């Protein structure tokens, strides 16, 4: 379970547990997290919980939403991220103390550089793909993987060693693969077009993945392989 710690000038103002599918943030009193400051828009941003993932999306605010100093439109929050809205800082913390690992980008024909070692067992990973390359993370015990079937990254295989792995192109189409006691489930996270599994668009919240299933997302085809 995650929580947000809101502070101003180093002084903690409030702590908020993330328990709802959607948590709104803004200056208006009807928001779940109210920050009464003119630098904050009436409806500034929304946090969306998808499985174990928490995404933050800027709602076309006047002054923007920043994560670790970088302006974002929509982004997956990772443990210890700092969201900046005006002079306010909102730290995202996972209460189980696990750290997210950093994404590595592998360009075709190159070898990945080592990611910084996490201080605790990894919980989630992010896989991004596009014409410039394909991202993946280091492996530990492997129970399943996804294999890229087309494009510049064809032939790449990414081990699903974390509880949650997000795949896709932020701002275009994003989905998540979550490891559960009964196997792996696939869910749509972002994008107007829903991803497909074996040629069929995802219609429900999640779908159980089976060995050999072919996922198509943001123009990239991937095969799910369960070992």
C-alpha atoms as a PDB file:
ATOM      1  CA  UNK A   1       0.000   0.000   0.000  1.00  0.00           C
ATOM      2  CA  UNK A   2       1.340   3.449  -0.913  1.00  0.00           C
ATOM      3  CA  UNK A   3       0.976   6.793   0.766  1.00  0.00           C
ATOM      4  CA  UNK A   4       1.641  10.456  -0.040  1.00  0.00           C
ATOM      5  CA  UNK A   5       3.491  12.800   2.322  1.00  0.00           C
ATOM      6  CA  UNK A   6       2.683  16.461   1.547  1.00  0.00           C
ATOM      7  CA  UNK A   7       5.199  19.062   2.712  1.00  0.00           C
ATOM      8  CA  UNK A   8       5.903  22.781   2.326  1.00  0.00           C
ATOM      9  CA  UNK A   9       9.385  24.217   2.957  1.00  0.00           C
ATOM     10  CA  UNK A  10      10.411  20.953   4.579  1.00  0.00           C
ATOM     11  CA  UNK A  11       7.451  20.868   6.977  1.00  0.00           C
ATOM     12  CA  UNK A  12       5.084  17.902   6.634  1.00  0.00           C
ATOM     13  CA  UNK A  13       1.497  19.114   6.296  1.00  0.00           C
ATOM     14  CA  UNK A  14      -0.406  15.868   5.825  1.00  0.00           C
ATOM     15  CA  UNK A  15      -0.102  12.184   4.989  1.00  0.00           C
ATOM     16  CA  UNK A  16      -2.630  10.490   2.721  1.00  0.00           C
ATOM     17  CA  UNK A  17      -3.078   6.740   2.208  1.00  0.00           C
ATOM     18  CA  UNK A  18      -3.812   5.721  -1.389  1.00  0.00           C
ATOM     19  CA  UNK A  19      -6.841   3.441  -1.093  1.00  0.00           C
ATOM     20  CA  UNK A  20      -9.102   4.551  -3.978  1.00  0.00           C
ATOM     21  CA  UNK A  21      -8.887   3.729  -7.679  1.00  0.00           C
ATOM     22  CA  UNK A  22      -8.788   7.477  -8.352  1.00  0.00           C
ATOM     23  CA  UNK A  23      -7.522  10.176  -5.985  1.00  0.00           C
ATOM     24  CA  UNK A  24      -7.902  13.798  -7.112  1.00  0.00           C
ATOM     25  CA  UNK A  25      -5.587  16.631  -6.127  1.00  0.00           C
ATOM     26  CA  UNK A  26      -6.243  20.355  -6.457  1.00  0.00           C
ATOM     27  CA  UNK A  27      -7.272  23.651  -4.877  1.00  0.00           C
ATOM     28  CA  UNK A  28     -11.040  23.067  -4.917  1.00  0.00           C
ATOM     29  CA  UNK A  29     -12.535  21.678  -1.681  1.00  0.00           C
ATOM     30  CA  UNK A  30     -14.119  18.650  -3.382  1.00  0.00           C
ATOM     31  CA  UNK A  31     -10.715  17.119  -4.195  1.00  0.00           C
ATOM     32  CA  UNK A  32      -9.480  14.139  -2.192  1.00  0.00           C
ATOM     33  CA  UNK A  33      -6.237  16.030  -1.497  1.00  0.00           C
ATOM     34  CA  UNK A  34      -6.863  19.770  -1.145  1.00  0.00           C
ATOM     35  CA  UNK A  35      -3.934  22.202  -1.475  1.00  0.00           C
ATOM     36  CA  UNK A  36      -5.253  25.724  -0.966  1.00  0.00           C
ATOM     37  CA  UNK A  37      -2.691  27.721  -2.907  1.00  0.00           C
ATOM     38  CA  UNK A  38      -3.047  29.908  -6.015  1.00  0.00           C
ATOM     39  CA  UNK A  39      -0.180  28.038  -7.700  1.00  0.00           C
ATOM     40  CA  UNK A  40      -2.364  24.913  -7.629  1.00  0.00           C
ATOM     41  CA  UNK A  41      -5.182  24.569 -10.171  1.00  0.00           C
ATOM     42  CA  UNK A  42      -8.737  23.815  -9.057  1.00  0.00           C
ATOM     43  CA  UNK A  43      -8.399  20.309 -10.502  1.00  0.00           C
ATOM     44  CA  UNK A  44      -4.654  19.917 -10.794  1.00  0.00           C
ATOM     45  CA  UNK A  45      -3.870  16.191 -11.050  1.00  0.00           C
ATOM     46  CA  UNK A  46      -5.293  12.731 -10.464  1.00  0.00           C
ATOM     47  CA  UNK A  47      -3.686   9.593  -9.086  1.00  0.00           C
ATOM     48  CA  UNK A  48      -4.965   6.360 -10.594  1.00  0.00           C
ATOM     49  CA  UNK A  49      -4.358   2.962  -9.017  1.00  0.00           C
ATOM     50  CA  UNK A  50      -4.109   0.092 -11.510  1.00  0.00           C
ATOM     51  CA  UNK A  51      -3.464  -3.172  -9.710  1.00  0.00           C
ATOM     52  CA  UNK A  52      -0.387  -2.454  -7.608  1.00  0.00           C
ATOM     53  CA  UNK A  53       0.672   0.483  -9.806  1.00  0.00           C
ATOM     54  CA  UNK A  54      -0.084   4.136  -9.072  1.00  0.00           C
ATOM     55  CA  UNK A  55      -0.017   6.611 -11.968  1.00  0.00           C
ATOM     56  CA  UNK A  56      -0.225  10.405 -11.659  1.00  0.00           C
ATOM     57  CA  UNK A  57      -1.731  12.460 -14.479  1.00  0.00           C
ATOM     58  CA  UNK A  58      -1.653  16.238 -14.838  1.00  0.00           C
ATOM     59  CA  UNK A  59      -5.132  17.610 -15.664  1.00  0.00           C
ATOM     60  CA  UNK A  60      -3.920  20.415 -17.954  1.00  0.00           C
ATOM     61  CA  UNK A  61      -3.008  22.499 -14.901  1.00  0.00           C
ATOM     62  CA  UNK A  62      -1.775  26.065 -15.257  1.00  0.00           C
ATOM     63  CA  UNK A  63       1.613  25.533 -13.609  1.00  0.00           C
ATOM     64  CA  UNK A  64       2.177  21.870 -14.406  1.00  0.00           C
ATOM     65  CA  UNK A  65       3.064  18.780 -12.409  1.00  0.00           C
ATOM     66  CA  UNK A  66       6.681  17.765 -11.855  1.00  0.00           C
ATOM     67  CA  UNK A  67       8.261  14.512 -10.705  1.00  0.00           C
ATOM     68  CA  UNK A  68      11.814  14.739  -9.394  1.00  0.00           C
ATOM     69  CA  UNK A  69      12.167  18.103 -11.160  1.00  0.00           C
ATOM     70  CA  UNK A  70      10.853  16.975 -14.557  1.00  0.00           C
ATOM     71  CA  UNK A  71       7.502  18.087 -15.999  1.00  0.00           C
ATOM     72  CA  UNK A  72       5.176  15.146 -16.693  1.00  0.00           C
ATOM     73  CA  UNK A  73       1.786  14.561 -18.271  1.00  0.00           C
ATOM     74  CA  UNK A  74       1.249  11.022 -16.979  1.00  0.00           C
ATOM     75  CA  UNK A  75       3.761   8.818 -15.257  1.00  0.00           C
ATOM     76  CA  UNK A  76       4.045   5.714 -13.110  1.00  0.00           C
ATOM     77  CA  UNK A  77       5.056   6.615  -9.566  1.00  0.00           C
ATOM     78  CA  UNK A  78       7.904   4.687  -8.003  1.00  0.00           C
ATOM     79  CA  UNK A  79       8.979   4.457  -4.366  1.00  0.00           C
ATOM     80  CA  UNK A  80      10.487   7.713  -3.058  1.00  0.00           C
ATOM     81  CA  UNK A  81       9.419   9.832  -6.079  1.00  0.00           C
ATOM     82  CA  UNK A  82       8.807  13.491  -5.247  1.00  0.00           C
ATOM     83  CA  UNK A  83       5.857  15.171  -6.971  1.00  0.00           C
ATOM     84  CA  UNK A  84       6.205  18.972  -7.105  1.00  0.00           C
ATOM     85  CA  UNK A  85       3.172  21.230  -7.460  1.00  0.00           C
ATOM     86  CA  UNK A  86       3.984  24.899  -6.967  1.00  0.00           C
ATOM     87  CA  UNK A  87       6.026  25.139  -3.757  1.00  0.00           C
ATOM     88  CA  UNK A  88       4.519  21.943  -2.391  1.00  0.00           C
ATOM     89  CA  UNK A  89       6.363  18.630  -2.447  1.00  0.00           C
ATOM     90  CA  UNK A  90       4.513  15.315  -2.283  1.00  0.00           C
ATOM     91  CA  UNK A  91       6.638  12.237  -1.630  1.00  0.00           C
ATOM     92  CA  UNK A  92       5.294   8.838  -2.728  1.00  0.00           C
ATOM     93  CA  UNK A  93       6.228   5.992  -0.386  1.00  0.00           C
ATOM     94  CA  UNK A  94       5.568   2.266  -0.510  1.00  0.00           C
ATOM     95  CA  UNK A  95       4.887   1.213   3.033  1.00  0.00           C
ATOM     96  CA  UNK A  96       6.364  -2.254   2.620  1.00  0.00           C
ATOM     97  CA  UNK A  97       9.694  -0.511   2.036  1.00  0.00           C
ATOM     98  CA  UNK A  98      10.445  -2.160  -1.290  1.00  0.00           C
ATOM     99  CA  UNK A  99      12.293  -0.138  -3.893  1.00  0.00           C
ATOM    100  CA  UNK A 100      11.516   0.027  -7.568  1.00  0.00           C
ATOM    101  CA  UNK A 101      14.410  -0.667  -9.874  1.00  0.00           C
ATOM    102  CA  UNK A 102      15.388   1.749 -12.586  1.00  0.00           C
ATOM    103  CA  UNK A 103      14.642   0.988 -16.233  1.00  0.00           C
ATOM    104  CA  UNK A 104      17.514   0.244 -18.576  1.00  0.00           C
ATOM    105  CA  UNK A 105      17.222   0.991 -22.284  1.00  0.00           C
ATOM    106  CA  UNK A 106      18.812  -1.472 -24.678  1.00  0.00           C
ATOM    107  CA  UNK A 107      19.389  -0.247 -28.205  1.00  0.00           C
ATOM    108  CA  UNK A 108      19.490  -2.926 -30.906  1.00  0.00           C
ATOM    109  CA  UNK A 109      22.895  -4.587 -30.961  1.00  0.00           C
ATOM    110  CA  UNK A 110      24.052  -3.121 -27.670  1.00  0.00           C
ATOM    111  CA  UNK A 111      24.443  -4.546 -24.202  1.00  0.00           C
ATOM    112  CA  UNK A 112      22.627  -3.041 -21.221  1.00  0.00           C
ATOM    113  CA  UNK A 113      24.563  -1.210 -18.579  1.00  0.00           C
ATOM    114  CA  UNK A 114      24.069  -2.291 -15.006  1.00  0.00           C
ATOM    115  CA  UNK A 115      21.253  -0.628 -13.102  1.00  0.00           C
ATOM    116  CA  UNK A 116      21.907   0.672  -9.588  1.00  0.00           C
ATOM    117  CA  UNK A 117      21.315  -2.083  -7.064  1.00  0.00           C
ATOM    118  CA  UNK A 118      18.078  -1.583  -5.110  1.00  0.00           C
ATOM    119  CA  UNK A 119      18.206  -1.396  -1.336  1.00  0.00           C
ATOM    120  CA  UNK A 120      15.459  -4.016  -1.037  1.00  0.00           C
ATOM    121  CA  UNK A 121      13.722  -6.646  -3.129  1.00  0.00           C
ATOM    122  CA  UNK A 122      12.324  -5.187  -6.378  1.00  0.00           C
ATOM    123  CA  UNK A 123       8.565  -4.839  -6.664  1.00  0.00           C
ATOM    124  CA  UNK A 124       7.892  -3.420 -10.129  1.00  0.00           C
ATOM    125  CA  UNK A 125       9.643  -2.759 -13.391  1.00  0.00           C
ATOM    126  CA  UNK A 126       8.964  -0.726 -16.503  1.00  0.00           C
ATOM    127  CA  UNK A 127       9.554  -1.836 -20.089  1.00  0.00           C
ATOM    128  CA  UNK A 128       9.407   0.887 -22.740  1.00  0.00           C
ATOM    129  CA  UNK A 129       9.716   0.279 -26.451  1.00  0.00           C
ATOM    130  CA  UNK A 130       9.898   2.335 -29.597  1.00  0.00           C
ATOM    131  CA  UNK A 131      11.859   2.753 -32.806  1.00  0.00           C
ATOM    132  CA  UNK A 132      14.991   3.656 -30.836  1.00  0.00           C
ATOM    133  CA  UNK A 133      15.160   0.605 -28.627  1.00  0.00           C
ATOM    134  CA  UNK A 134      13.649  -1.649 -26.043  1.00  0.00           C
ATOM    135  CA  UNK A 135      13.973  -1.352 -22.296  1.00  0.00           C
ATOM    136  CA  UNK A 136      14.333  -4.142 -19.769  1.00  0.00           C
ATOM    137  CA  UNK A 137      15.618  -4.914 -16.322  1.00  0.00           C
ATOM    138  CA  UNK A 138      18.075  -7.345 -14.841  1.00  0.00           C
ATOM    139  CA  UNK A 139      16.789 -10.777 -13.881  1.00  0.00           C
ATOM    140  CA  UNK A 140      16.676 -12.920 -10.782  1.00  0.00           C
ATOM    141  CA  UNK A 141      14.400 -15.971 -10.524  1.00  0.00           C
ATOM    142  CA  UNK A 142      12.482 -16.183 -13.800  1.00  0.00           C
ATOM    143  CA  UNK A 143       8.985 -17.665 -13.997  1.00  0.00           C
ATOM    144  CA  UNK A 144       7.887 -16.008 -17.243  1.00  0.00           C
ATOM    145  CA  UNK A 145       9.047 -13.617 -19.928  1.00  0.00           C
ATOM    146  CA  UNK A 146       7.864 -11.629 -22.926  1.00  0.00           C
ATOM    147  CA  UNK A 147       9.559 -11.966 -26.316  1.00  0.00           C
ATOM    148  CA  UNK A 148       9.372  -9.160 -28.893  1.00  0.00           C
ATOM    149  CA  UNK A 149       8.255 -10.451 -32.295  1.00  0.00           C
ATOM    150  CA  UNK A 150       8.551  -7.399 -34.569  1.00  0.00           C
ATOM    151  CA  UNK A 151      10.183  -4.011 -34.998  1.00  0.00           C
ATOM    152  CA  UNK A 152      13.700  -2.849 -34.130  1.00  0.00           C
ATOM    153  CA  UNK A 153      13.711  -4.853 -30.904  1.00  0.00           C
ATOM    154  CA  UNK A 154      12.568  -8.151 -32.472  1.00  0.00           C
ATOM    155  CA  UNK A 155      14.104 -11.126 -30.709  1.00  0.00           C
ATOM    156  CA  UNK A 156      14.599  -9.330 -27.405  1.00  0.00           C
ATOM    157  CA  UNK A 157      13.315 -11.194 -24.383  1.00  0.00           C
ATOM    158  CA  UNK A 158      12.434  -9.537 -21.082  1.00  0.00           C
ATOM    159  CA  UNK A 159      12.181 -11.604 -17.903  1.00  0.00           C
ATOM    160  CA  UNK A 160       9.138 -10.893 -15.740  1.00  0.00           C
ATOM    161  CA  UNK A 161      10.948 -11.019 -12.400  1.00  0.00           C
ATOM    162  CA  UNK A 162       8.874  -8.356 -10.614  1.00  0.00           C
ATOM    163  CA  UNK A 163       5.343  -8.421  -9.247  1.00  0.00           C
ATOM    164  CA  UNK A 164       4.263  -5.747 -11.755  1.00  0.00           C
ATOM    165  CA  UNK A 165       5.788  -4.954 -15.164  1.00  0.00           C
ATOM    166  CA  UNK A 166       4.432  -2.093 -17.272  1.00  0.00           C
ATOM    167  CA  UNK A 167       4.936  -2.175 -21.052  1.00  0.00           C
ATOM    168  CA  UNK A 168       4.294   0.294 -23.842  1.00  0.00           C
ATOM    169  CA  UNK A 169       4.823   3.895 -24.861  1.00  0.00           C
ATOM    170  CA  UNK A 170       3.836   6.479 -22.214  1.00  0.00           C
ATOM    171  CA  UNK A 171       1.315   8.903 -23.691  1.00  0.00           C
ATOM    172  CA  UNK A 172       0.398   6.448 -26.464  1.00  0.00           C
ATOM    173  CA  UNK A 173      -0.477   3.047 -25.037  1.00  0.00           C
ATOM    174  CA  UNK A 174       0.553   1.407 -21.764  1.00  0.00           C
ATOM    175  CA  UNK A 175      -0.419  -1.922 -20.186  1.00  0.00           C
ATOM    176  CA  UNK A 176       0.664  -3.911 -17.141  1.00  0.00           C
ATOM    177  CA  UNK A 177       1.498  -7.562 -16.485  1.00  0.00           C
ATOM    178  CA  UNK A 178       0.952  -8.543 -12.850  1.00  0.00           C
ATOM    179  CA  UNK A 179       2.105 -11.744 -11.183  1.00  0.00           C
ATOM    180  CA  UNK A 180      -0.605 -13.265  -8.993  1.00  0.00           C
ATOM    181  CA  UNK A 181      -0.818 -16.574  -7.101  1.00  0.00           C
ATOM    182  CA  UNK A 182      -2.823 -18.077  -9.953  1.00  0.00           C
ATOM    183  CA  UNK A 183      -0.550 -16.823 -12.742  1.00  0.00           C
ATOM    184  CA  UNK A 184      -0.048 -13.610 -14.746  1.00  0.00           C
ATOM    185  CA  UNK A 185      -2.771 -11.116 -15.671  1.00  0.00           C
ATOM    186  CA  UNK A 186      -2.674  -8.427 -18.355  1.00  0.00           C
ATOM    187  CA  UNK A 187      -4.418  -5.042 -17.935  1.00  0.00           C
ATOM    188  CA  UNK A 188      -4.883  -1.886 -20.015  1.00  0.00           C
ATOM    189  CA  UNK A 189      -3.463   1.215 -18.288  1.00  0.00           C
ATOM    190  CA  UNK A 190      -3.317   4.109 -20.754  1.00  0.00           C
ATOM    191  CA  UNK A 191      -4.297   4.939 -24.329  1.00  0.00           C
ATOM    192  CA  UNK A 192      -7.492   5.346 -26.342  1.00  0.00           C
ATOM    193  CA  UNK A 193      -6.877   2.099 -28.258  1.00  0.00           C
ATOM    194  CA  UNK A 194      -7.004  -1.048 -26.179  1.00  0.00           C
ATOM    195  CA  UNK A 195      -4.247  -3.652 -26.614  1.00  0.00           C
ATOM    196  CA  UNK A 196      -5.035  -7.064 -28.080  1.00  0.00           C
ATOM    197  CA  UNK A 197      -4.333 -10.607 -26.915  1.00  0.00           C
ATOM    198  CA  UNK A 198      -4.269 -13.184 -29.734  1.00  0.00           C
ATOM    199  CA  UNK A 199      -5.927 -10.607 -32.008  1.00  0.00           C
ATOM    200  CA  UNK A 200      -8.838  -9.870 -29.660  1.00  0.00           C
ATOM    201  CA  UNK A 201      -9.078  -6.400 -28.024  1.00  0.00           C
ATOM    202  CA  UNK A 202      -8.998  -6.456 -24.226  1.00  0.00           C
ATOM    203  CA  UNK A 203     -12.593  -5.889 -23.131  1.00  0.00           C
ATOM    204  CA  UNK A 204     -12.591  -6.439 -19.353  1.00  0.00           C
ATOM    205  CA  UNK A 205     -10.371  -5.065 -16.616  1.00  0.00           C
ATOM    206  CA  UNK A 206      -7.837  -7.906 -16.911  1.00  0.00           C
ATOM    207  CA  UNK A 207      -7.208 -11.120 -18.825  1.00  0.00           C
ATOM    208  CA  UNK A 208      -5.317 -14.197 -17.637  1.00  0.00           C
ATOM    209  CA  UNK A 209      -2.243 -14.825 -19.784  1.00  0.00           C
ATOM    210  CA  UNK A 210      -1.422 -18.306 -21.059  1.00  0.00           C
ATOM    211  CA  UNK A 211       1.855 -19.625 -22.410  1.00  0.00           C
ATOM    212  CA  UNK A 212       2.211 -18.601 -26.059  1.00  0.00           C
ATOM    213  CA  UNK A 213      -0.309 -15.722 -25.967  1.00  0.00           C
ATOM    214  CA  UNK A 214       0.556 -12.914 -28.399  1.00  0.00           C
ATOM    215  CA  UNK A 215       0.081  -9.363 -27.123  1.00  0.00           C
ATOM    216  CA  UNK A 216      -0.042  -6.374 -29.471  1.00  0.00           C
ATOM    217  CA  UNK A 217       0.565  -2.971 -27.917  1.00  0.00           C
ATOM    218  CA  UNK A 218       1.497   0.365 -29.542  1.00  0.00           C
ATOM    219  CA  UNK A 219       2.348  -1.447 -32.774  1.00  0.00           C
ATOM    220  CA  UNK A 220       4.653  -3.961 -31.092  1.00  0.00           C
ATOM    221  CA  UNK A 221       3.859  -7.672 -30.931  1.00  0.00           C
ATOM    222  CA  UNK A 222       5.106  -9.676 -27.944  1.00  0.00           C
ATOM    223  CA  UNK A 223       4.717 -13.318 -27.005  1.00  0.00           C
ATOM    224  CA  UNK A 224       4.110 -14.323 -23.394  1.00  0.00           C
ATOM    225  CA  UNK A 225       6.266 -17.308 -22.410  1.00  0.00           C
ATOM    226  CA  UNK A 226       5.642 -19.084 -19.109  1.00  0.00           C
ATOM    227  CA  UNK A 227       8.496 -21.329 -18.074  1.00  0.00           C
END
